C-alpha atoms as a PDB file:
ATOM      1  CA  MET A   1      25.751  32.576  22.780  1.00  0.00           C
ATOM      2  CA  MET A   2      28.049  31.048  20.112  1.00  0.00           C
ATOM      3  CA  LYS A   3      29.707  28.908  22.758  1.00  0.00           C
ATOM      4  CA  PHE A   4      26.284  27.585  23.830  1.00  0.00           C
ATOM      5  CA  LEU A   5      25.267  26.864  20.195  1.00  0.00           C
ATOM      6  CA  ASN A   6      28.560  25.106  19.429  1.00  0.00           C
ATOM      7  CA  LYS A   7      28.165  22.927  22.500  1.00  0.00           C
ATOM      8  CA  HIS A   8      24.458  22.052  22.038  1.00  0.00           C
ATOM      9  CA  TRP A   9      23.880  22.173  18.270  1.00  0.00           C
ATOM     10  CA  LYS A  10      23.024  18.464  18.077  1.00  0.00           C
ATOM     11  CA  THR A  11      20.397  18.767  20.805  1.00  0.00           C
ATOM     12  CA  ILE A  12      18.890  21.857  19.173  1.00  0.00           C
ATOM     13  CA  LEU A  13      18.774  20.110  15.774  1.00  0.00           C
ATOM     14  CA  LEU A  14      17.109  17.043  17.284  1.00  0.00           C
ATOM     15  CA  LEU A  15      14.503  19.201  19.037  1.00  0.00           C
ATOM     16  CA  LEU A  16      13.820  21.077  15.789  1.00  0.00           C
ATOM     17  CA  ILE A  17      13.276  17.800  13.910  1.00  0.00           C
ATOM     18  CA  VAL A  18      10.942  16.513  16.639  1.00  0.00           C
ATOM     19  CA  VAL A  19       8.909  19.743  16.507  1.00  0.00           C
ATOM     20  CA  LEU A  20       8.727  19.560  12.687  1.00  0.00           C
ATOM     21  CA  LEU A  21       7.472  15.968  12.880  1.00  0.00           C
ATOM     22  CA  PHE A  22       4.432  17.083  14.883  1.00  0.00           C
ATOM     23  CA  ILE A  23       3.417  19.806  12.419  1.00  0.00           C
ATOM     24  CA  PRO A  24       1.317  18.073   9.716  1.00  0.00           C
ATOM     25  CA  GLN A  25       2.599  20.237   6.845  1.00  0.00           C
ATOM     26  CA  THR A  26       6.205  19.275   7.580  1.00  0.00           C
ATOM     27  CA  GLY A  27       5.812  16.048   9.556  1.00  0.00           C
ATOM     28  CA  THR A  28       4.093  14.021   6.830  1.00  0.00           C
ATOM     29  CA  PRO A  29       6.710  14.734   4.115  1.00  0.00           C
ATOM     30  CA  ILE A  30       9.523  13.925   6.552  1.00  0.00           C
ATOM     31  CA  LYS A  31       7.849  10.637   7.557  1.00  0.00           C
ATOM     32  CA  VAL A  32       7.181   9.759   3.899  1.00  0.00           C
ATOM     33  CA  PHE A  33      10.832  10.453   3.040  1.00  0.00           C
ATOM     34  CA  PHE A  34      12.131   8.142   5.773  1.00  0.00           C
ATOM     35  CA  ASN A  35       9.599   5.424   4.894  1.00  0.00           C
ATOM     36  CA  ARG A  36      10.762   5.482   1.263  1.00  0.00           C
ATOM     37  CA  ILE A  37      14.371   5.133   2.346  1.00  0.00           C
ATOM     38  CA  LEU A  38      13.491   2.173   4.573  1.00  0.00           C
ATOM     39  CA  ALA A  39      11.105   0.456   2.122  1.00  0.00           C
ATOM     40  CA  PHE A  40      12.511  -2.816   0.872  1.00  0.00           C
ATOM     41  CA  SER A  41      11.085  -5.368  -1.480  1.00  0.00           C
ATOM     42  CA  PRO A  42       8.569  -7.730   0.134  1.00  0.00           C
ATOM     43  CA  SER A  43       9.400 -11.411   0.154  1.00  0.00           C
ATOM     44  CA  GLU A  44       7.402 -14.457  -0.801  1.00  0.00           C
ATOM     45  CA  ILE A  45       5.826 -16.625   1.892  1.00  0.00           C
ATOM     46  CA  ALA A  46       7.114 -20.203   1.958  1.00  0.00           C
ATOM     47  CA  SER A  47       4.673 -22.364  -0.025  1.00  0.00           C
ATOM     48  CA  GLU A  48       3.837 -24.605   2.938  1.00  0.00           C
ATOM     49  CA  GLU A  49       2.819 -21.507   4.964  1.00  0.00           C
ATOM     50  CA  GLN A  50       0.642 -19.872   2.294  1.00  0.00           C
ATOM     51  CA  GLU A  51      -3.026 -19.541   3.245  1.00  0.00           C
ATOM     52  CA  SER A  52      -5.765 -19.676   0.644  1.00  0.00           C
ATOM     53  CA  LEU A  53      -8.572 -17.171   0.400  1.00  0.00           C
ATOM     54  CA  SER A  54     -11.704 -19.057   1.392  1.00  0.00           C
ATOM     55  CA  ASN A  55     -14.283 -16.560   0.150  1.00  0.00           C
ATOM     56  CA  TYR A  56     -14.084 -14.031  -2.662  1.00  0.00           C
ATOM     57  CA  TYR A  57     -17.491 -12.480  -1.987  1.00  0.00           C
ATOM     58  CA  TRP A  58     -16.787  -8.855  -1.005  1.00  0.00           C
ATOM     59  CA  GLU A  59     -18.670  -5.851  -2.328  1.00  0.00           C
ATOM     60  CA  LEU A  60     -16.577  -2.802  -3.133  1.00  0.00           C
ATOM     61  CA  ASN A  61     -17.476   0.680  -4.329  1.00  0.00           C
ATOM     62  CA  ASP A  62     -15.367   2.533  -6.867  1.00  0.00           C
ATOM     63  CA  LEU A  63     -14.818   6.306  -6.760  1.00  0.00           C
ATOM     64  CA  ASN A  64     -17.720   6.864  -9.185  1.00  0.00           C
ATOM     65  CA  ASN A  65     -20.230   5.209  -6.806  1.00  0.00           C
ATOM     66  CA  GLY A  66     -20.267   2.031  -8.877  1.00  0.00           C
ATOM     67  CA  THR A  67     -20.352  -1.335  -7.132  1.00  0.00           C
ATOM     68  CA  ILE A  68     -18.210  -4.324  -8.011  1.00  0.00           C
ATOM     69  CA  ASN A  69     -17.614  -7.619  -6.319  1.00  0.00           C
ATOM     70  CA  PHE A  70     -14.152  -8.896  -5.487  1.00  0.00           C
ATOM     71  CA  SER A  71     -15.283 -12.263  -6.841  1.00  0.00           C
ATOM     72  CA  THR A  72     -14.294 -10.948 -10.293  1.00  0.00           C
ATOM     73  CA  ALA A  73     -10.669 -11.407  -9.134  1.00  0.00           C
ATOM     74  CA  GLU A  74     -11.104 -15.150  -8.638  1.00  0.00           C
ATOM     75  CA  GLY A  75      -8.808 -17.052 -10.988  1.00  0.00           C
ATOM     76  CA  ASN A  76      -6.490 -14.045 -11.477  1.00  0.00           C
ATOM     77  CA  VAL A  77      -3.209 -12.989  -9.962  1.00  0.00           C
ATOM     78  CA  THR A  78      -4.397 -10.218  -7.638  1.00  0.00           C
ATOM     79  CA  LEU A  79      -2.879  -7.472  -5.531  1.00  0.00           C
ATOM     80  CA  VAL A  80      -4.927  -6.039  -2.646  1.00  0.00           C
ATOM     81  CA  ASN A  81      -3.550  -2.953  -0.920  1.00  0.00           C
ATOM     82  CA  VAL A  82      -5.279  -1.641   2.215  1.00  0.00           C
ATOM     83  CA  TRP A  83      -4.269   1.974   2.745  1.00  0.00           C
ATOM     84  CA  ALA A  84      -5.220   5.517   3.785  1.00  0.00           C
ATOM     85  CA  THR A  85      -4.430   8.993   2.480  1.00  0.00           C
ATOM     86  CA  TRP A  86      -3.291  10.178   5.946  1.00  0.00           C
ATOM     87  CA  CYS A  87      -0.811   7.306   6.394  1.00  0.00           C
ATOM     88  CA  PRO A  88       2.855   8.266   5.689  1.00  0.00           C
ATOM     89  CA  PRO A  89       3.987   4.653   4.942  1.00  0.00           C
ATOM     90  CA  CYS A  90       1.034   4.324   2.519  1.00  0.00           C
ATOM     91  CA  ILE A  91       1.980   7.567   0.786  1.00  0.00           C
ATOM     92  CA  ALA A  92       5.615   6.458   0.667  1.00  0.00           C
ATOM     93  CA  GLU A  93       4.896   3.234  -1.232  1.00  0.00           C
ATOM     94  CA  MET A  94       2.311   4.644  -3.655  1.00  0.00           C
ATOM     95  CA  PRO A  95       4.767   5.688  -6.402  1.00  0.00           C
ATOM     96  CA  SER A  96       6.101   2.108  -6.572  1.00  0.00           C
ATOM     97  CA  MET A  97       2.510   0.815  -6.591  1.00  0.00           C
ATOM     98  CA  GLN A  98       1.665   3.083  -9.531  1.00  0.00           C
ATOM     99  CA  LYS A  99       4.703   1.790 -11.447  1.00  0.00           C
ATOM    100  CA  LEU A 100       3.723  -1.818 -10.697  1.00  0.00           C
ATOM    101  CA  TYR A 101       0.164  -1.095 -11.819  1.00  0.00           C
ATOM    102  CA  ASP A 102       1.437   0.514 -15.040  1.00  0.00           C
ATOM    103  CA  SER A 103       3.481  -2.622 -15.773  1.00  0.00           C
ATOM    104  CA  TYR A 104       0.780  -5.216 -15.004  1.00  0.00           C
ATOM    105  CA  LYS A 105      -2.626  -3.508 -15.286  1.00  0.00           C
ATOM    106  CA  ASN A 106      -3.639  -5.645 -18.265  1.00  0.00           C
ATOM    107  CA  LYS A 107      -2.294  -8.907 -16.819  1.00  0.00           C
ATOM    108  CA  MET A 108      -3.626  -9.056 -13.260  1.00  0.00           C
ATOM    109  CA  ALA A 109      -6.213  -7.553 -10.899  1.00  0.00           C
ATOM    110  CA  PHE A 110      -5.521  -4.621  -8.575  1.00  0.00           C
ATOM    111  CA  TYR A 111      -7.631  -3.520  -5.613  1.00  0.00           C
ATOM    112  CA  PHE A 112      -6.545  -0.467  -3.639  1.00  0.00           C
ATOM    113  CA  VAL A 113      -9.004  -0.405  -0.737  1.00  0.00           C
ATOM    114  CA  SER A 114      -9.466   2.431   1.741  1.00  0.00           C
ATOM    115  CA  LEU A 115     -12.119   3.107   4.358  1.00  0.00           C
ATOM    116  CA  GLU A 116     -12.074   6.847   3.653  1.00  0.00           C
ATOM    117  CA  ASP A 117     -14.743   8.793   1.802  1.00  0.00           C
ATOM    118  CA  THR A 118     -14.665   8.874  -1.989  1.00  0.00           C
ATOM    119  CA  LYS A 119     -14.161  12.647  -2.205  1.00  0.00           C
ATOM    120  CA  THR A 120     -10.949  12.481  -0.145  1.00  0.00           C
ATOM    121  CA  LEU A 121      -9.691   9.503  -2.156  1.00  0.00           C
ATOM    122  CA  ARG A 122     -10.518  11.108  -5.503  1.00  0.00           C
ATOM    123  CA  GLN A 123      -8.736  14.360  -4.553  1.00  0.00           C
ATOM    124  CA  PHE A 124      -5.670  12.437  -3.366  1.00  0.00           C
ATOM    125  CA  ALA A 125      -5.478  10.348  -6.564  1.00  0.00           C
ATOM    126  CA  GLU A 126      -5.943  13.375  -8.810  1.00  0.00           C
ATOM    127  CA  LYS A 127      -3.326  15.431  -6.951  1.00  0.00           C
ATOM    128  CA  LYS A 128      -0.780  12.614  -7.225  1.00  0.00           C
ATOM    129  CA  ASN A 129      -1.816  11.505 -10.744  1.00  0.00           C
ATOM    130  CA  TYR A 130      -2.535   7.949  -9.599  1.00  0.00           C
ATOM    131  CA  THR A 131      -4.531   5.873 -12.049  1.00  0.00           C
ATOM    132  CA  PHE A 132      -4.804   2.553 -10.201  1.00  0.00           C
ATOM    133  CA  PRO A 133      -8.317   1.436  -9.189  1.00  0.00           C
ATOM    134  CA  ILE A 134      -9.359   2.694  -5.759  1.00  0.00           C
ATOM    135  CA  TYR A 135     -12.255   1.211  -3.817  1.00  0.00           C
ATOM    136  CA  THR A 136     -14.082   1.667  -0.541  1.00  0.00           C
ATOM    137  CA  THR A 137     -16.159  -0.871   1.324  1.00  0.00           C
ATOM    138  CA  GLN A 138     -18.771  -1.016   4.022  1.00  0.00           C
ATOM    139  CA  GLN A 139     -18.446  -4.783   4.346  1.00  0.00           C
ATOM    140  CA  LYS A 140     -16.072  -6.915   6.355  1.00  0.00           C
ATOM    141  CA  PHE A 141     -12.917  -7.918   4.556  1.00  0.00           C
ATOM    142  CA  PRO A 142     -12.489 -11.591   3.689  1.00  0.00           C
ATOM    143  CA  LYS A 143     -11.094 -13.130   6.885  1.00  0.00           C
ATOM    144  CA  GLU A 144      -7.677 -14.018   5.429  1.00  0.00           C
ATOM    145  CA  ILE A 145      -7.030 -10.408   4.411  1.00  0.00           C
ATOM    146  CA  GLN A 146      -8.388  -8.579   7.448  1.00  0.00           C
ATOM    147  CA  THR A 147      -5.928  -6.108   8.911  1.00  0.00           C
ATOM    148  CA  ASN A 148      -5.629  -3.277  11.395  1.00  0.00           C
ATOM    149  CA  SER A 149      -2.329  -2.102   9.946  1.00  0.00           C
ATOM    150  CA  PHE A 150      -1.879   0.458   7.167  1.00  0.00           C
ATOM    151  CA  PRO A 151      -0.611  -0.211   4.619  1.00  0.00           C
ATOM    152  CA  THR A 152      -1.041  -3.936   4.283  1.00  0.00           C
ATOM    153  CA  THR A 153      -0.656  -5.536   0.874  1.00  0.00           C
ATOM    154  CA  TYR A 154      -1.512  -9.050  -0.262  1.00  0.00           C
ATOM    155  CA  LEU A 155      -0.421 -10.736  -3.468  1.00  0.00           C
ATOM    156  CA  LEU A 156      -2.680 -13.658  -4.419  1.00  0.00           C
ATOM    157  CA  SER A 157      -2.040 -16.425  -6.916  1.00  0.00           C
ATOM    158  CA  LYS A 158      -4.614 -17.526  -9.493  1.00  0.00           C
ATOM    159  CA  SER A 159      -5.677 -20.290  -7.108  1.00  0.00           C
ATOM    160  CA  GLY A 160      -6.228 -17.816  -4.266  1.00  0.00           C
ATOM    161  CA  LYS A 161      -3.077 -18.549  -2.272  1.00  0.00           C
ATOM    162  CA  ILE A 162      -1.653 -15.572  -0.397  1.00  0.00           C
ATOM    163  CA  VAL A 163       1.876 -15.521  -1.780  1.00  0.00           C
ATOM    164  CA  MET A 164       3.048 -12.243  -0.227  1.00  0.00           C
ATOM    165  CA  VAL A 165       1.874 -10.193   2.746  1.00  0.00           C
ATOM    166  CA  GLN A 166       3.549  -6.915   3.590  1.00  0.00           C
ATOM    167  CA  LYS A 167       2.609  -4.697   6.519  1.00  0.00           C
ATOM    168  CA  GLY A 168       4.198  -1.287   6.219  1.00  0.00           C
ATOM    169  CA  ALA A 169       5.803   0.465   3.281  1.00  0.00           C
ATOM    170  CA  ALA A 170       7.568  -1.618   0.635  1.00  0.00           C
ATOM    171  CA  ASP A 171       9.090  -1.209  -2.797  1.00  0.00           C
ATOM    172  CA  TRP A 172       6.485  -2.946  -4.942  1.00  0.00           C
ATOM    173  CA  ASN A 173       8.240  -2.154  -8.211  1.00  0.00           C
ATOM    174  CA  SER A 174      11.273  -4.287  -7.380  1.00  0.00           C
ATOM    175  CA  GLU A 175      12.799  -7.090  -9.406  1.00  0.00           C
ATOM    176  CA  THR A 176      11.748  -9.578  -6.706  1.00  0.00           C
ATOM    177  CA  VAL A 177       8.082  -8.593  -7.000  1.00  0.00           C
ATOM    178  CA  HIS A 178       8.212  -8.610 -10.813  1.00  0.00           C
ATOM    179  CA  ASN A 179       9.790 -12.079 -10.824  1.00  0.00           C
ATOM    180  CA  THR A 180       7.172 -13.398  -8.392  1.00  0.00           C
ATOM    181  CA  ILE A 181       4.296 -11.939 -10.414  1.00  0.00           C
ATOM    182  CA  ASP A 182       5.731 -13.224 -13.690  1.00  0.00           C
ATOM    183  CA  ALA A 183       5.980 -16.738 -12.193  1.00  0.00           C
ATOM    184  CA  LEU A 184       2.388 -16.528 -10.904  1.00  0.00           C
ATOM    185  CA  LEU A 185       1.118 -15.349 -14.291  1.00  0.00           C
ATOM    186  CA  ALA A 186       2.884 -18.263 -16.001  1.00  0.00           C
ATOM    187  CA  GLU A 187       1.109 -20.864 -13.789  1.00  0.00           C
END
């Protein structure tokens, strides 16, 4: 038996990891861990390739059943994150999002938008001690920020230009992001 284990230990370990990935209680933390390791800072879109948001009208619901309109973000530097509580890359980037929110919550607008029910979102935020504003919507997203990929994050300038787009987990509390936001706030 020892001879067999010594010869095939790598195969056995790989099979064990694969099995653990399919069990939700162990698979999600493993996927989150690897997404955090692989999350890099997003980069700015070249100015000549930046699209502008054509319509800010978008009704959102907060976790207390209040309604707001995204149009309140017009004229502000704005971050829109489209995410889900079941999404390992979303979960992986959330700590950096919370740190970014803590640094800029009084200087810019934040919209963390999920299509899940408010009870699930509230429980997730409370469990993780997240304080950023979470919204749901029943309306179509503005066409320039429609996505089928979770997470997808958009950073908008005061004039509505989409300065950054990141699909997948990223480190949003990086020096690059801070420098970009600081430049946008100074405009």
